[in-house]
Every structure is written in C-alpha cells, then in structure tokens.
C-alpha cells in the first residue's frame, strides 16, 4: 500500500515547492493562487520546469509565477480550442442530420430503422448498439430538454435535426461509423476527406472536447490515435525521424491540422490568431525556459503559423 497523502496548509504547500527548488517571490500571492486554483492542478504543469524525468527538482531560476503563467496559458488555450470544437460539432451534427433526414425521413420510427445503416455483418452489433443509445436519448430527453420536449408535446415525435442537439459528439462519431457507404461518402466529401480519415477525426475531436470540458491539461496532451500524413506536414517541412513526422501526428498540433480541414477559412484564421496571442503572452512571462520548449511539448513546429496561409 502507498503512503497516505495528508492535507497540507497553504504555507506547507509553498514550503514543498521551495524545497523542490521553485522560487516563490511573493508568499501572499502564491497562497492566494494555491487557494483558488488548487495545488494538485497547478502542480500538473511542473514537468517543463523539472531538471529531468528522474530528478524531480526545479531547474535553476524557475519561479512560481512562471508555473502559474503556464497554467493560465493552458486555460486560455483550452477555451480557444473548446469553442472551435463546438463549432465543428454543431456543423457535423447539422450535416449528418440533414443527409439522413432527406434519405430516411424525419420520424424516429423511420430514420432509426436497422436497414438504413451499413449491412456489414461485422458491424451488426454496433448498429444495434448505436440505435439503442439514440432511442435511450429520445426517452431520457423527451420530457426534460426544451427542444425535444416541444416536439414530443406538439407533434408526438423528435426529428433527427432536433435529436442531434442532445446526442454527445461521441455518439455522433459512432453514428457516422455505421452509415451506409454512400451516405458517409457524401458527408466526408463536404470536408474533402475520405471516410476513414473523417471518422478518425471525429473520434479525436470528441476526445479533445471532453478534455476541454473537464478542464484537463490540454497543451501537452498526446492522443491514443494518430492522424495520417497530410499536405500540411509536408508544406511546413516538419522533420522526419524513423520515417515518421515529429509533430502533428498524435499531439495537439494534430488537432490543429484536423481543425484546418473542418473549419471555414476565416474561422481557422481567427483560431490561429487567438492561439498566437496566447503563446506570445506566455513567452513574455517565461524566463527559465524558452517558448520553443513549450512549442515542442505541444507538437507545434516553430513555423506553425504558416498553416494559416495554405
């Protein structure tokens, strides 16, 4: 059994940080930050300031203010990503519901028929599972969510373009994965992507959406899935090691590449400009480490801004 973690008062928390080599210039300020933000959450940003993965002490001249600046940077970065992922989520829901409603009707007894989806026997169980999840959402939200409640009370059914409002992004990704090939092709082609790439992008977007919603550390997140090589990897001249691009595969820059494909041009430019402002602001507050070290951790090539111009 591990050693029990005991509650530490604010001054004890500061002492722990100092004992590990972190410079705390203003105890009152540090106490206020730790009280509001939580030592555990703030401590999650220490890795870039550590001497090594084995030497768990802070590098020379690392300050509490720098640690908190990285924390604040990630909060802003997370919010920028989140609002843009929500835009993509809404667009995808709208496009999928339009395509399926046009082909299979707008009453759930019509659009949720098993034969509207792939006839691949290997996906038969998955089709049943997704249909059950959607029916469960209809049942759960029929009398609780304002949009679905209105349609149930007024018309006695919930059309798909209303149902998608209460479906999670994860379920939407599952729904896309069981579509007939002709439906999936039409939807993916809107984004100039093939079916498999589009399906993979939806899963990654859904995972990042959940990370952002739960305020997890995002800037250095590595996803379990990777994205295929794109023209952006080549155009940015990203270094290749062991036949693999160093950046933009399973890091947060891979998410930026996904968003490049799925946001409108002006939306993507605004996204990049907001991220640039956030990075520039962090750079001004860093002294013991360089902004390049942060960008490397994010999977951002130093010339990442050029993706706006392609």
C-alpha atoms as a PDB file:
ATOM      1  CA  UNK A   1       0.000   0.000   0.000  1.00  0.00           C
ATOM      2  CA  UNK A   2       1.122   3.536  -0.778  1.00  0.00           C
ATOM      3  CA  UNK A   3       1.740   6.246   1.788  1.00  0.00           C
ATOM      4  CA  UNK A   4      -1.388   8.241   2.638  1.00  0.00           C
ATOM      5  CA  UNK A   5      -1.352  11.811   1.338  1.00  0.00           C
ATOM      6  CA  UNK A   6      -2.061  14.201   4.188  1.00  0.00           C
ATOM      7  CA  UNK A   7      -3.785  17.573   3.911  1.00  0.00           C
ATOM      8  CA  UNK A   8      -1.282  20.427   3.659  1.00  0.00           C
ATOM      9  CA  UNK A   9      -1.989  24.039   4.593  1.00  0.00           C
ATOM     10  CA  UNK A  10      -1.077  26.769   2.108  1.00  0.00           C
ATOM     11  CA  UNK A  11       2.202  27.665   3.828  1.00  0.00           C
ATOM     12  CA  UNK A  12       3.153  23.972   3.846  1.00  0.00           C
ATOM     13  CA  UNK A  13       2.359  23.711   0.131  1.00  0.00           C
ATOM     14  CA  UNK A  14       4.637  26.679  -0.560  1.00  0.00           C
ATOM     15  CA  UNK A  15       7.377  25.083   1.521  1.00  0.00           C
ATOM     16  CA  UNK A  16       7.130  21.866  -0.534  1.00  0.00           C
ATOM     17  CA  UNK A  17       7.554  23.890  -3.749  1.00  0.00           C
ATOM     18  CA  UNK A  18      10.549  25.755  -2.305  1.00  0.00           C
ATOM     19  CA  UNK A  19      12.159  22.534  -1.119  1.00  0.00           C
ATOM     20  CA  UNK A  20      11.966  21.304  -4.707  1.00  0.00           C
ATOM     21  CA  UNK A  21      13.818  24.413  -5.902  1.00  0.00           C
ATOM     22  CA  UNK A  22      10.953  26.621  -7.085  1.00  0.00           C
ATOM     23  CA  UNK A  23      11.450  30.326  -6.383  1.00  0.00           C
ATOM     24  CA  UNK A  24       8.422  31.851  -4.612  1.00  0.00           C
ATOM     25  CA  UNK A  25       8.909  35.614  -4.597  1.00  0.00           C
ATOM     26  CA  UNK A  26       5.596  36.605  -3.095  1.00  0.00           C
ATOM     27  CA  UNK A  27       4.131  34.241  -0.494  1.00  0.00           C
ATOM     28  CA  UNK A  28       0.856  36.144  -0.199  1.00  0.00           C
ATOM     29  CA  UNK A  29       0.308  35.987  -3.975  1.00  0.00           C
ATOM     30  CA  UNK A  30       1.277  32.295  -4.096  1.00  0.00           C
ATOM     31  CA  UNK A  31      -1.089  31.478  -1.213  1.00  0.00           C
ATOM     32  CA  UNK A  32      -3.974  33.234  -2.968  1.00  0.00           C
ATOM     33  CA  UNK A  33      -3.307  31.368  -6.220  1.00  0.00           C
ATOM     34  CA  UNK A  34      -2.973  27.988  -4.491  1.00  0.00           C
ATOM     35  CA  UNK A  35      -6.188  28.629  -2.527  1.00  0.00           C
ATOM     36  CA  UNK A  36      -8.173  29.454  -5.683  1.00  0.00           C
ATOM     37  CA  UNK A  37      -6.591  27.110  -8.200  1.00  0.00           C
ATOM     38  CA  UNK A  38      -5.647  24.016  -6.147  1.00  0.00           C
ATOM     39  CA  UNK A  39      -2.070  22.799  -5.578  1.00  0.00           C
ATOM     40  CA  UNK A  40      -2.779  19.484  -7.339  1.00  0.00           C
ATOM     41  CA  UNK A  41      -3.992  21.157 -10.560  1.00  0.00           C
ATOM     42  CA  UNK A  42      -1.157  23.690 -10.608  1.00  0.00           C
ATOM     43  CA  UNK A  43       1.433  21.007  -9.916  1.00  0.00           C
ATOM     44  CA  UNK A  44       0.345  19.234 -13.100  1.00  0.00           C
ATOM     45  CA  UNK A  45       2.233  21.903 -15.072  1.00  0.00           C
ATOM     46  CA  UNK A  46       5.606  21.334 -13.380  1.00  0.00           C
ATOM     47  CA  UNK A  47       7.122  18.931 -15.929  1.00  0.00           C
ATOM     48  CA  UNK A  48       8.589  21.556 -18.286  1.00  0.00           C
ATOM     49  CA  UNK A  49      10.374  23.122 -15.309  1.00  0.00           C
ATOM     50  CA  UNK A  50      11.840  19.892 -13.927  1.00  0.00           C
ATOM     51  CA  UNK A  51      15.564  19.097 -14.252  1.00  0.00           C
ATOM     52  CA  UNK A  52      14.751  15.662 -15.699  1.00  0.00           C
ATOM     53  CA  UNK A  53      12.222  12.845 -15.523  1.00  0.00           C
ATOM     54  CA  UNK A  54      14.287  11.289 -12.717  1.00  0.00           C
ATOM     55  CA  UNK A  55      15.468  14.455 -10.942  1.00  0.00           C
ATOM     56  CA  UNK A  56      12.146  15.884  -9.707  1.00  0.00           C
ATOM     57  CA  UNK A  57      13.584  19.242  -8.642  1.00  0.00           C
ATOM     58  CA  UNK A  58      13.013  22.539 -10.469  1.00  0.00           C
ATOM     59  CA  UNK A  59      15.569  23.952 -12.897  1.00  0.00           C
ATOM     60  CA  UNK A  60      17.587  26.985 -11.853  1.00  0.00           C
ATOM     61  CA  UNK A  61      15.641  30.288 -11.673  1.00  0.00           C
ATOM     62  CA  UNK A  62      12.220  28.660 -12.216  1.00  0.00           C
ATOM     63  CA  UNK A  63       9.577  30.746 -10.438  1.00  0.00           C
ATOM     64  CA  UNK A  64       6.078  30.222  -9.114  1.00  0.00           C
ATOM     65  CA  UNK A  65       4.901  32.991 -11.437  1.00  0.00           C
ATOM     66  CA  UNK A  66       6.171  31.043 -14.469  1.00  0.00           C
ATOM     67  CA  UNK A  67       4.421  27.886 -13.328  1.00  0.00           C
ATOM     68  CA  UNK A  68       1.168  29.804 -12.912  1.00  0.00           C
ATOM     69  CA  UNK A  69       1.654  31.532 -16.291  1.00  0.00           C
ATOM     70  CA  UNK A  70       1.812  28.119 -17.993  1.00  0.00           C
ATOM     71  CA  UNK A  71      -1.333  27.095 -16.097  1.00  0.00           C
ATOM     72  CA  UNK A  72      -3.146  30.254 -17.290  1.00  0.00           C
ATOM     73  CA  UNK A  73      -1.835  29.788 -20.828  1.00  0.00           C
ATOM     74  CA  UNK A  74      -3.353  26.309 -20.977  1.00  0.00           C
ATOM     75  CA  UNK A  75      -6.661  27.570 -19.585  1.00  0.00           C
ATOM     76  CA  UNK A  76      -6.940  30.147 -22.367  1.00  0.00           C
ATOM     77  CA  UNK A  77      -5.661  27.672 -24.975  1.00  0.00           C
ATOM     78  CA  UNK A  78      -8.224  25.110 -23.825  1.00  0.00           C
ATOM     79  CA  UNK A  79     -11.060  27.654 -24.101  1.00  0.00           C
ATOM     80  CA  UNK A  80      -9.959  28.648 -27.613  1.00  0.00           C
ATOM     81  CA  UNK A  81      -9.944  25.010 -28.724  1.00  0.00           C
ATOM     82  CA  UNK A  82     -13.221  24.230 -26.984  1.00  0.00           C
ATOM     83  CA  UNK A  83     -15.325  26.917 -28.663  1.00  0.00           C
ATOM     84  CA  UNK A  84     -13.965  25.938 -32.086  1.00  0.00           C
ATOM     85  CA  UNK A  85     -14.562  22.223 -31.473  1.00  0.00           C
ATOM     86  CA  UNK A  86     -18.151  23.114 -30.546  1.00  0.00           C
ATOM     87  CA  UNK A  87     -18.490  24.902 -33.886  1.00  0.00           C
ATOM     88  CA  UNK A  88     -17.279  21.790 -35.715  1.00  0.00           C
ATOM     89  CA  UNK A  89     -19.556  19.585 -33.602  1.00  0.00           C
ATOM     90  CA  UNK A  90     -22.593  21.690 -34.476  1.00  0.00           C
ATOM     91  CA  UNK A  91     -21.690  21.693 -38.189  1.00  0.00           C
ATOM     92  CA  UNK A  92     -21.206  17.912 -38.292  1.00  0.00           C
ATOM     93  CA  UNK A  93     -24.472  17.296 -36.434  1.00  0.00           C
ATOM     94  CA  UNK A  94     -26.326  19.556 -38.848  1.00  0.00           C
ATOM     95  CA  UNK A  95     -24.816  17.926 -41.965  1.00  0.00           C
ATOM     96  CA  UNK A  96     -25.403  14.339 -40.768  1.00  0.00           C
ATOM     97  CA  UNK A  97     -28.986  15.032 -39.666  1.00  0.00           C
ATOM     98  CA  UNK A  98     -29.737  16.751 -42.998  1.00  0.00           C
ATOM     99  CA  UNK A  99     -28.386  13.852 -45.056  1.00  0.00           C
ATOM    100  CA  UNK A 100     -30.166  11.142 -43.054  1.00  0.00           C
ATOM    101  CA  UNK A 101     -33.456  13.053 -42.755  1.00  0.00           C
ATOM    102  CA  UNK A 102     -33.500  13.664 -46.505  1.00  0.00           C
ATOM    103  CA  UNK A 103     -32.972   9.968 -47.261  1.00  0.00           C
ATOM    104  CA  UNK A 104     -34.840   8.185 -44.480  1.00  0.00           C
ATOM    105  CA  UNK A 105     -37.458  10.555 -43.095  1.00  0.00           C
ATOM    106  CA  UNK A 106     -37.814  12.705 -40.022  1.00  0.00           C
ATOM    107  CA  UNK A 107     -39.785  10.413 -37.664  1.00  0.00           C
ATOM    108  CA  UNK A 108     -37.632   8.273 -35.377  1.00  0.00           C
ATOM    109  CA  UNK A 109     -39.533   5.141 -36.389  1.00  0.00           C
ATOM    110  CA  UNK A 110     -38.280   5.822 -39.939  1.00  0.00           C
ATOM    111  CA  UNK A 111     -34.731   7.144 -39.535  1.00  0.00           C
ATOM    112  CA  UNK A 112     -33.787   4.610 -36.833  1.00  0.00           C
ATOM    113  CA  UNK A 113     -34.562   1.508 -38.878  1.00  0.00           C
ATOM    114  CA  UNK A 114     -31.722  -1.034 -38.932  1.00  0.00           C
ATOM    115  CA  UNK A 115     -31.647  -1.242 -42.748  1.00  0.00           C
ATOM    116  CA  UNK A 116     -30.826   2.473 -43.042  1.00  0.00           C
ATOM    117  CA  UNK A 117     -27.310   1.673 -41.863  1.00  0.00           C
ATOM    118  CA  UNK A 118     -24.423  -0.470 -43.031  1.00  0.00           C
ATOM    119  CA  UNK A 119     -25.207  -4.102 -43.848  1.00  0.00           C
ATOM    120  CA  UNK A 120     -21.669  -5.157 -42.906  1.00  0.00           C
ATOM    121  CA  UNK A 121     -22.255  -8.216 -40.673  1.00  0.00           C
ATOM    122  CA  UNK A 122     -19.211  -7.316 -38.574  1.00  0.00           C
ATOM    123  CA  UNK A 123     -20.935  -4.060 -37.596  1.00  0.00           C
ATOM    124  CA  UNK A 124     -24.378  -5.507 -36.910  1.00  0.00           C
ATOM    125  CA  UNK A 125     -23.940  -5.401 -33.132  1.00  0.00           C
ATOM    126  CA  UNK A 126     -22.563  -1.854 -33.338  1.00  0.00           C
ATOM    127  CA  UNK A 127     -25.587  -0.744 -35.407  1.00  0.00           C
ATOM    128  CA  UNK A 128     -27.932  -2.174 -32.752  1.00  0.00           C
ATOM    129  CA  UNK A 129     -25.915  -0.511 -30.002  1.00  0.00           C
ATOM    130  CA  UNK A 130     -25.996   2.956 -31.605  1.00  0.00           C
ATOM    131  CA  UNK A 131     -29.721   2.718 -32.352  1.00  0.00           C
ATOM    132  CA  UNK A 132     -30.340   1.747 -28.699  1.00  0.00           C
ATOM    133  CA  UNK A 133     -28.253   4.703 -27.491  1.00  0.00           C
ATOM    134  CA  UNK A 134     -30.225   7.101 -29.698  1.00  0.00           C
ATOM    135  CA  UNK A 135     -33.573   5.667 -28.556  1.00  0.00           C
ATOM    136  CA  UNK A 136     -32.394   5.986 -24.954  1.00  0.00           C
ATOM    137  CA  UNK A 137     -31.621   9.661 -25.540  1.00  0.00           C
ATOM    138  CA  UNK A 138     -35.084  10.169 -27.036  1.00  0.00           C
ATOM    139  CA  UNK A 139     -36.652   8.566 -23.968  1.00  0.00           C
ATOM    140  CA  UNK A 140     -34.423  10.426 -21.499  1.00  0.00           C
ATOM    141  CA  UNK A 141     -34.778  13.881 -23.062  1.00  0.00           C
ATOM    142  CA  UNK A 142     -38.382  13.722 -24.263  1.00  0.00           C
ATOM    143  CA  UNK A 143     -39.681  15.360 -21.105  1.00  0.00           C
ATOM    144  CA  UNK A 144     -36.587  17.197 -19.848  1.00  0.00           C
ATOM    145  CA  UNK A 145     -34.852  19.064 -22.700  1.00  0.00           C
ATOM    146  CA  UNK A 146     -36.742  22.092 -24.006  1.00  0.00           C
ATOM    147  CA  UNK A 147     -36.132  21.388 -27.703  1.00  0.00           C
ATOM    148  CA  UNK A 148     -37.120  17.704 -27.611  1.00  0.00           C
ATOM    149  CA  UNK A 149     -39.990  18.333 -25.190  1.00  0.00           C
ATOM    150  CA  UNK A 150     -41.545  20.849 -27.592  1.00  0.00           C
ATOM    151  CA  UNK A 151     -41.543  18.362 -30.476  1.00  0.00           C
ATOM    152  CA  UNK A 152     -42.871  15.482 -28.375  1.00  0.00           C
ATOM    153  CA  UNK A 153     -45.694  17.613 -26.942  1.00  0.00           C
ATOM    154  CA  UNK A 154     -46.554  19.310 -30.239  1.00  0.00           C
ATOM    155  CA  UNK A 155     -46.000  16.545 -32.795  1.00  0.00           C
ATOM    156  CA  UNK A 156     -45.513  13.304 -30.883  1.00  0.00           C
ATOM    157  CA  UNK A 157     -42.019  12.586 -32.283  1.00  0.00           C
ATOM    158  CA  UNK A 158     -38.470  14.005 -32.349  1.00  0.00           C
ATOM    159  CA  UNK A 159     -36.911  14.677 -35.780  1.00  0.00           C
ATOM    160  CA  UNK A 160     -33.226  13.865 -36.173  1.00  0.00           C
ATOM    161  CA  UNK A 161     -32.220  17.511 -36.607  1.00  0.00           C
ATOM    162  CA  UNK A 162     -33.584  18.118 -33.086  1.00  0.00           C
ATOM    163  CA  UNK A 163     -32.317  14.846 -31.585  1.00  0.00           C
ATOM    164  CA  UNK A 164     -28.696  15.625 -32.520  1.00  0.00           C
ATOM    165  CA  UNK A 165     -28.872  18.553 -30.094  1.00  0.00           C
ATOM    166  CA  UNK A 166     -28.879  16.113 -27.175  1.00  0.00           C
ATOM    167  CA  UNK A 167     -26.568  13.478 -28.667  1.00  0.00           C
ATOM    168  CA  UNK A 168     -22.950  13.577 -27.484  1.00  0.00           C
ATOM    169  CA  UNK A 169     -20.175  14.142 -30.003  1.00  0.00           C
ATOM    170  CA  UNK A 170     -19.036  10.607 -29.198  1.00  0.00           C
ATOM    171  CA  UNK A 171     -22.385   9.129 -30.274  1.00  0.00           C
ATOM    172  CA  UNK A 172     -22.284  11.248 -33.439  1.00  0.00           C
ATOM    173  CA  UNK A 173     -18.894   9.709 -34.250  1.00  0.00           C
ATOM    174  CA  UNK A 174     -20.335   6.236 -33.667  1.00  0.00           C
ATOM    175  CA  UNK A 175     -23.344   7.097 -35.841  1.00  0.00           C
ATOM    176  CA  UNK A 176     -21.078   8.133 -38.712  1.00  0.00           C
ATOM    177  CA  UNK A 177     -19.125   4.865 -38.413  1.00  0.00           C
ATOM    178  CA  UNK A 178     -22.265   2.767 -39.082  1.00  0.00           C
ATOM    179  CA  UNK A 179     -23.628   4.754 -42.030  1.00  0.00           C
ATOM    180  CA  UNK A 180     -24.055   3.229 -45.447  1.00  0.00           C
ATOM    181  CA  UNK A 181     -21.028   3.948 -47.586  1.00  0.00           C
ATOM    182  CA  UNK A 182     -22.964   6.235 -49.947  1.00  0.00           C
ATOM    183  CA  UNK A 183     -24.140   8.422 -47.031  1.00  0.00           C
ATOM    184  CA  UNK A 184     -20.709   8.500 -45.399  1.00  0.00           C
ATOM    185  CA  UNK A 185     -19.090   9.472 -48.728  1.00  0.00           C
ATOM    186  CA  UNK A 186     -21.419  12.430 -49.232  1.00  0.00           C
ATOM    187  CA  UNK A 187     -20.760  13.732 -45.693  1.00  0.00           C
ATOM    188  CA  UNK A 188     -16.976  13.221 -45.684  1.00  0.00           C
ATOM    189  CA  UNK A 189     -16.691  14.724 -49.173  1.00  0.00           C
ATOM    190  CA  UNK A 190     -18.078  18.029 -47.871  1.00  0.00           C
ATOM    191  CA  UNK A 191     -14.820  18.315 -45.908  1.00  0.00           C
ATOM    192  CA  UNK A 192     -12.757  16.937 -48.799  1.00  0.00           C
ATOM    193  CA  UNK A 193     -11.795  13.937 -46.646  1.00  0.00           C
ATOM    194  CA  UNK A 194     -12.070  10.196 -47.157  1.00  0.00           C
ATOM    195  CA  UNK A 195     -14.420   8.198 -44.922  1.00  0.00           C
ATOM    196  CA  UNK A 196     -11.755   6.633 -42.682  1.00  0.00           C
ATOM    197  CA  UNK A 197      -9.935   9.937 -42.128  1.00  0.00           C
ATOM    198  CA  UNK A 198     -13.184  11.733 -41.327  1.00  0.00           C
ATOM    199  CA  UNK A 199     -14.225   9.000 -38.890  1.00  0.00           C
ATOM    200  CA  UNK A 200     -10.817   9.137 -37.173  1.00  0.00           C
ATOM    201  CA  UNK A 201     -11.007  12.942 -36.934  1.00  0.00           C
ATOM    202  CA  UNK A 202     -14.421  12.732 -35.231  1.00  0.00           C
ATOM    203  CA  UNK A 203     -13.061  10.406 -32.523  1.00  0.00           C
ATOM    204  CA  UNK A 204     -10.059  12.669 -31.843  1.00  0.00           C
ATOM    205  CA  UNK A 205     -12.244  15.795 -31.782  1.00  0.00           C
ATOM    206  CA  UNK A 206     -14.646  14.119 -29.360  1.00  0.00           C
ATOM    207  CA  UNK A 207     -11.783  13.166 -27.039  1.00  0.00           C
ATOM    208  CA  UNK A 208     -10.382  16.711 -27.040  1.00  0.00           C
ATOM    209  CA  UNK A 209     -13.870  18.099 -26.481  1.00  0.00           C
ATOM    210  CA  UNK A 210     -14.116  16.020 -23.306  1.00  0.00           C
ATOM    211  CA  UNK A 211     -10.634  17.049 -22.165  1.00  0.00           C
ATOM    212  CA  UNK A 212     -11.557  20.711 -22.601  1.00  0.00           C
ATOM    213  CA  UNK A 213     -14.956  20.334 -20.925  1.00  0.00           C
ATOM    214  CA  UNK A 214     -13.380  18.731 -17.849  1.00  0.00           C
ATOM    215  CA  UNK A 215     -10.529  21.279 -17.698  1.00  0.00           C
ATOM    216  CA  UNK A 216      -7.800  18.681 -18.072  1.00  0.00           C
ATOM    217  CA  UNK A 217      -4.281  19.620 -19.183  1.00  0.00           C
ATOM    218  CA  UNK A 218      -4.524  20.028 -22.948  1.00  0.00           C
ATOM    219  CA  UNK A 219      -1.424  21.742 -24.339  1.00  0.00           C
ATOM    220  CA  UNK A 220       0.815  18.674 -23.934  1.00  0.00           C
ATOM    221  CA  UNK A 221      -1.837  16.005 -24.439  1.00  0.00           C
ATOM    222  CA  UNK A 222      -0.958  13.006 -26.589  1.00  0.00           C
ATOM    223  CA  UNK A 223      -3.937  11.155 -28.048  1.00  0.00           C
ATOM    224  CA  UNK A 224      -4.085   7.381 -28.462  1.00  0.00           C
ATOM    225  CA  UNK A 225      -4.967   7.804 -32.117  1.00  0.00           C
ATOM    226  CA  UNK A 226      -2.699   9.291 -34.752  1.00  0.00           C
ATOM    227  CA  UNK A 227      -3.679  11.102 -37.927  1.00  0.00           C
ATOM    228  CA  UNK A 228      -2.397  10.189 -41.366  1.00  0.00           C
ATOM    229  CA  UNK A 229       0.253  12.338 -43.014  1.00  0.00           C
ATOM    230  CA  UNK A 230      -1.232  15.412 -44.685  1.00  0.00           C
ATOM    231  CA  UNK A 231      -0.054  18.036 -47.141  1.00  0.00           C
ATOM    232  CA  UNK A 232       0.377  20.377 -44.150  1.00  0.00           C
ATOM    233  CA  UNK A 233       3.110  18.178 -42.682  1.00  0.00           C
ATOM    234  CA  UNK A 234       4.923  18.435 -45.987  1.00  0.00           C
ATOM    235  CA  UNK A 235       4.301  22.153 -46.583  1.00  0.00           C
ATOM    236  CA  UNK A 236       5.519  23.055 -43.089  1.00  0.00           C
ATOM    237  CA  UNK A 237       8.644  20.928 -43.721  1.00  0.00           C
ATOM    238  CA  UNK A 238       8.201  19.135 -40.403  1.00  0.00           C
ATOM    239  CA  UNK A 239      11.221  16.987 -39.546  1.00  0.00           C
ATOM    240  CA  UNK A 240      11.006  13.246 -40.111  1.00  0.00           C
ATOM    241  CA  UNK A 241      12.546  10.756 -37.677  1.00  0.00           C
ATOM    242  CA  UNK A 242      12.371   6.995 -38.270  1.00  0.00           C
ATOM    243  CA  UNK A 243      10.030   7.600 -41.243  1.00  0.00           C
ATOM    244  CA  UNK A 244       7.591   9.489 -39.015  1.00  0.00           C
ATOM    245  CA  UNK A 245       6.830  13.212 -38.777  1.00  0.00           C
ATOM    246  CA  UNK A 246       7.983  14.559 -35.397  1.00  0.00           C
ATOM    247  CA  UNK A 247       4.985  16.849 -34.982  1.00  0.00           C
ATOM    248  CA  UNK A 248       1.309  16.792 -35.901  1.00  0.00           C
ATOM    249  CA  UNK A 249       0.601  13.080 -35.519  1.00  0.00           C
ATOM    250  CA  UNK A 250      -0.876  12.420 -32.063  1.00  0.00           C
ATOM    251  CA  UNK A 251      -0.174  15.745 -30.353  1.00  0.00           C
ATOM    252  CA  UNK A 252      -2.222  18.898 -30.050  1.00  0.00           C
ATOM    253  CA  UNK A 253      -0.868  20.169 -33.390  1.00  0.00           C
ATOM    254  CA  UNK A 254      -2.568  17.152 -34.997  1.00  0.00           C
ATOM    255  CA  UNK A 255      -5.798  18.661 -33.629  1.00  0.00           C
ATOM    256  CA  UNK A 256      -4.931  21.980 -35.289  1.00  0.00           C
ATOM    257  CA  UNK A 257      -4.452  20.147 -38.614  1.00  0.00           C
ATOM    258  CA  UNK A 258      -7.848  18.482 -38.147  1.00  0.00           C
ATOM    259  CA  UNK A 259      -9.451  21.858 -37.471  1.00  0.00           C
ATOM    260  CA  UNK A 260      -7.779  23.274 -40.579  1.00  0.00           C
ATOM    261  CA  UNK A 261      -9.795  20.723 -42.571  1.00  0.00           C
ATOM    262  CA  UNK A 262     -13.066  21.241 -40.723  1.00  0.00           C
ATOM    263  CA  UNK A 263     -13.406  24.956 -40.001  1.00  0.00           C
ATOM    264  CA  UNK A 264     -14.150  27.688 -42.533  1.00  0.00           C
ATOM    265  CA  UNK A 265     -11.096  29.664 -43.602  1.00  0.00           C
ATOM    266  CA  UNK A 266     -11.938  32.772 -41.568  1.00  0.00           C
ATOM    267  CA  UNK A 267     -12.783  30.666 -38.503  1.00  0.00           C
ATOM    268  CA  UNK A 268      -9.466  28.853 -38.729  1.00  0.00           C
ATOM    269  CA  UNK A 269      -7.533  32.096 -39.133  1.00  0.00           C
ATOM    270  CA  UNK A 270      -9.199  33.534 -36.021  1.00  0.00           C
ATOM    271  CA  UNK A 271      -8.350  30.335 -34.149  1.00  0.00           C
ATOM    272  CA  UNK A 272      -4.671  30.671 -35.083  1.00  0.00           C
ATOM    273  CA  UNK A 273      -4.542  34.367 -34.237  1.00  0.00           C
ATOM    274  CA  UNK A 274      -6.001  33.699 -30.791  1.00  0.00           C
ATOM    275  CA  UNK A 275      -3.510  30.880 -30.189  1.00  0.00           C
ATOM    276  CA  UNK A 276      -0.632  33.135 -31.341  1.00  0.00           C
ATOM    277  CA  UNK A 277      -1.723  35.825 -28.894  1.00  0.00           C
ATOM    278  CA  UNK A 278      -1.864  33.258 -26.095  1.00  0.00           C
ATOM    279  CA  UNK A 279       1.628  31.945 -26.959  1.00  0.00           C
ATOM    280  CA  UNK A 280       3.082  35.474 -27.217  1.00  0.00           C
ATOM    281  CA  UNK A 281       1.615  36.335 -23.832  1.00  0.00           C
ATOM    282  CA  UNK A 282       3.169  33.229 -22.290  1.00  0.00           C
ATOM    283  CA  UNK A 283       6.549  33.994 -23.862  1.00  0.00           C
ATOM    284  CA  UNK A 284       6.628  37.371 -22.110  1.00  0.00           C
ATOM    285  CA  UNK A 285       6.190  35.626 -18.751  1.00  0.00           C
ATOM    286  CA  UNK A 286       8.796  32.899 -19.210  1.00  0.00           C
ATOM    287  CA  UNK A 287      12.399  33.331 -18.013  1.00  0.00           C
ATOM    288  CA  UNK A 288      13.846  29.965 -17.035  1.00  0.00           C
ATOM    289  CA  UNK A 289      12.647  28.102 -20.142  1.00  0.00           C
ATOM    290  CA  UNK A 290      12.162  29.178 -23.774  1.00  0.00           C
ATOM    291  CA  UNK A 291       8.860  29.332 -25.638  1.00  0.00           C
ATOM    292  CA  UNK A 292      10.383  26.820 -28.081  1.00  0.00           C
ATOM    293  CA  UNK A 293      10.424  24.262 -25.276  1.00  0.00           C
ATOM    294  CA  UNK A 294       6.687  24.791 -24.786  1.00  0.00           C
ATOM    295  CA  UNK A 295       6.001  24.590 -28.533  1.00  0.00           C
ATOM    296  CA  UNK A 296       7.976  21.347 -28.730  1.00  0.00           C
ATOM    297  CA  UNK A 297       5.876  19.913 -25.901  1.00  0.00           C
ATOM    298  CA  UNK A 298       2.726  20.911 -27.814  1.00  0.00           C
ATOM    299  CA  UNK A 299       3.973  19.356 -31.042  1.00  0.00           C
ATOM    300  CA  UNK A 300       3.995  22.780 -32.705  1.00  0.00           C
ATOM    301  CA  UNK A 301       6.753  23.348 -35.278  1.00  0.00           C
ATOM    302  CA  UNK A 302       8.393  26.771 -34.850  1.00  0.00           C
ATOM    303  CA  UNK A 303       6.847  27.882 -38.176  1.00  0.00           C
ATOM    304  CA  UNK A 304       3.367  26.619 -37.191  1.00  0.00           C
ATOM    305  CA  UNK A 305       1.718  29.960 -38.052  1.00  0.00           C
ATOM    306  CA  UNK A 306       2.327  29.310 -41.765  1.00  0.00           C
ATOM    307  CA  UNK A 307      -0.567  26.819 -41.727  1.00  0.00           C
ATOM    308  CA  UNK A 308      -2.850  29.864 -41.860  1.00  0.00           C
ATOM    309  CA  UNK A 309      -1.581  30.725 -45.339  1.00  0.00           C
ATOM    310  CA  UNK A 310      -2.025  27.361 -47.069  1.00  0.00           C
END
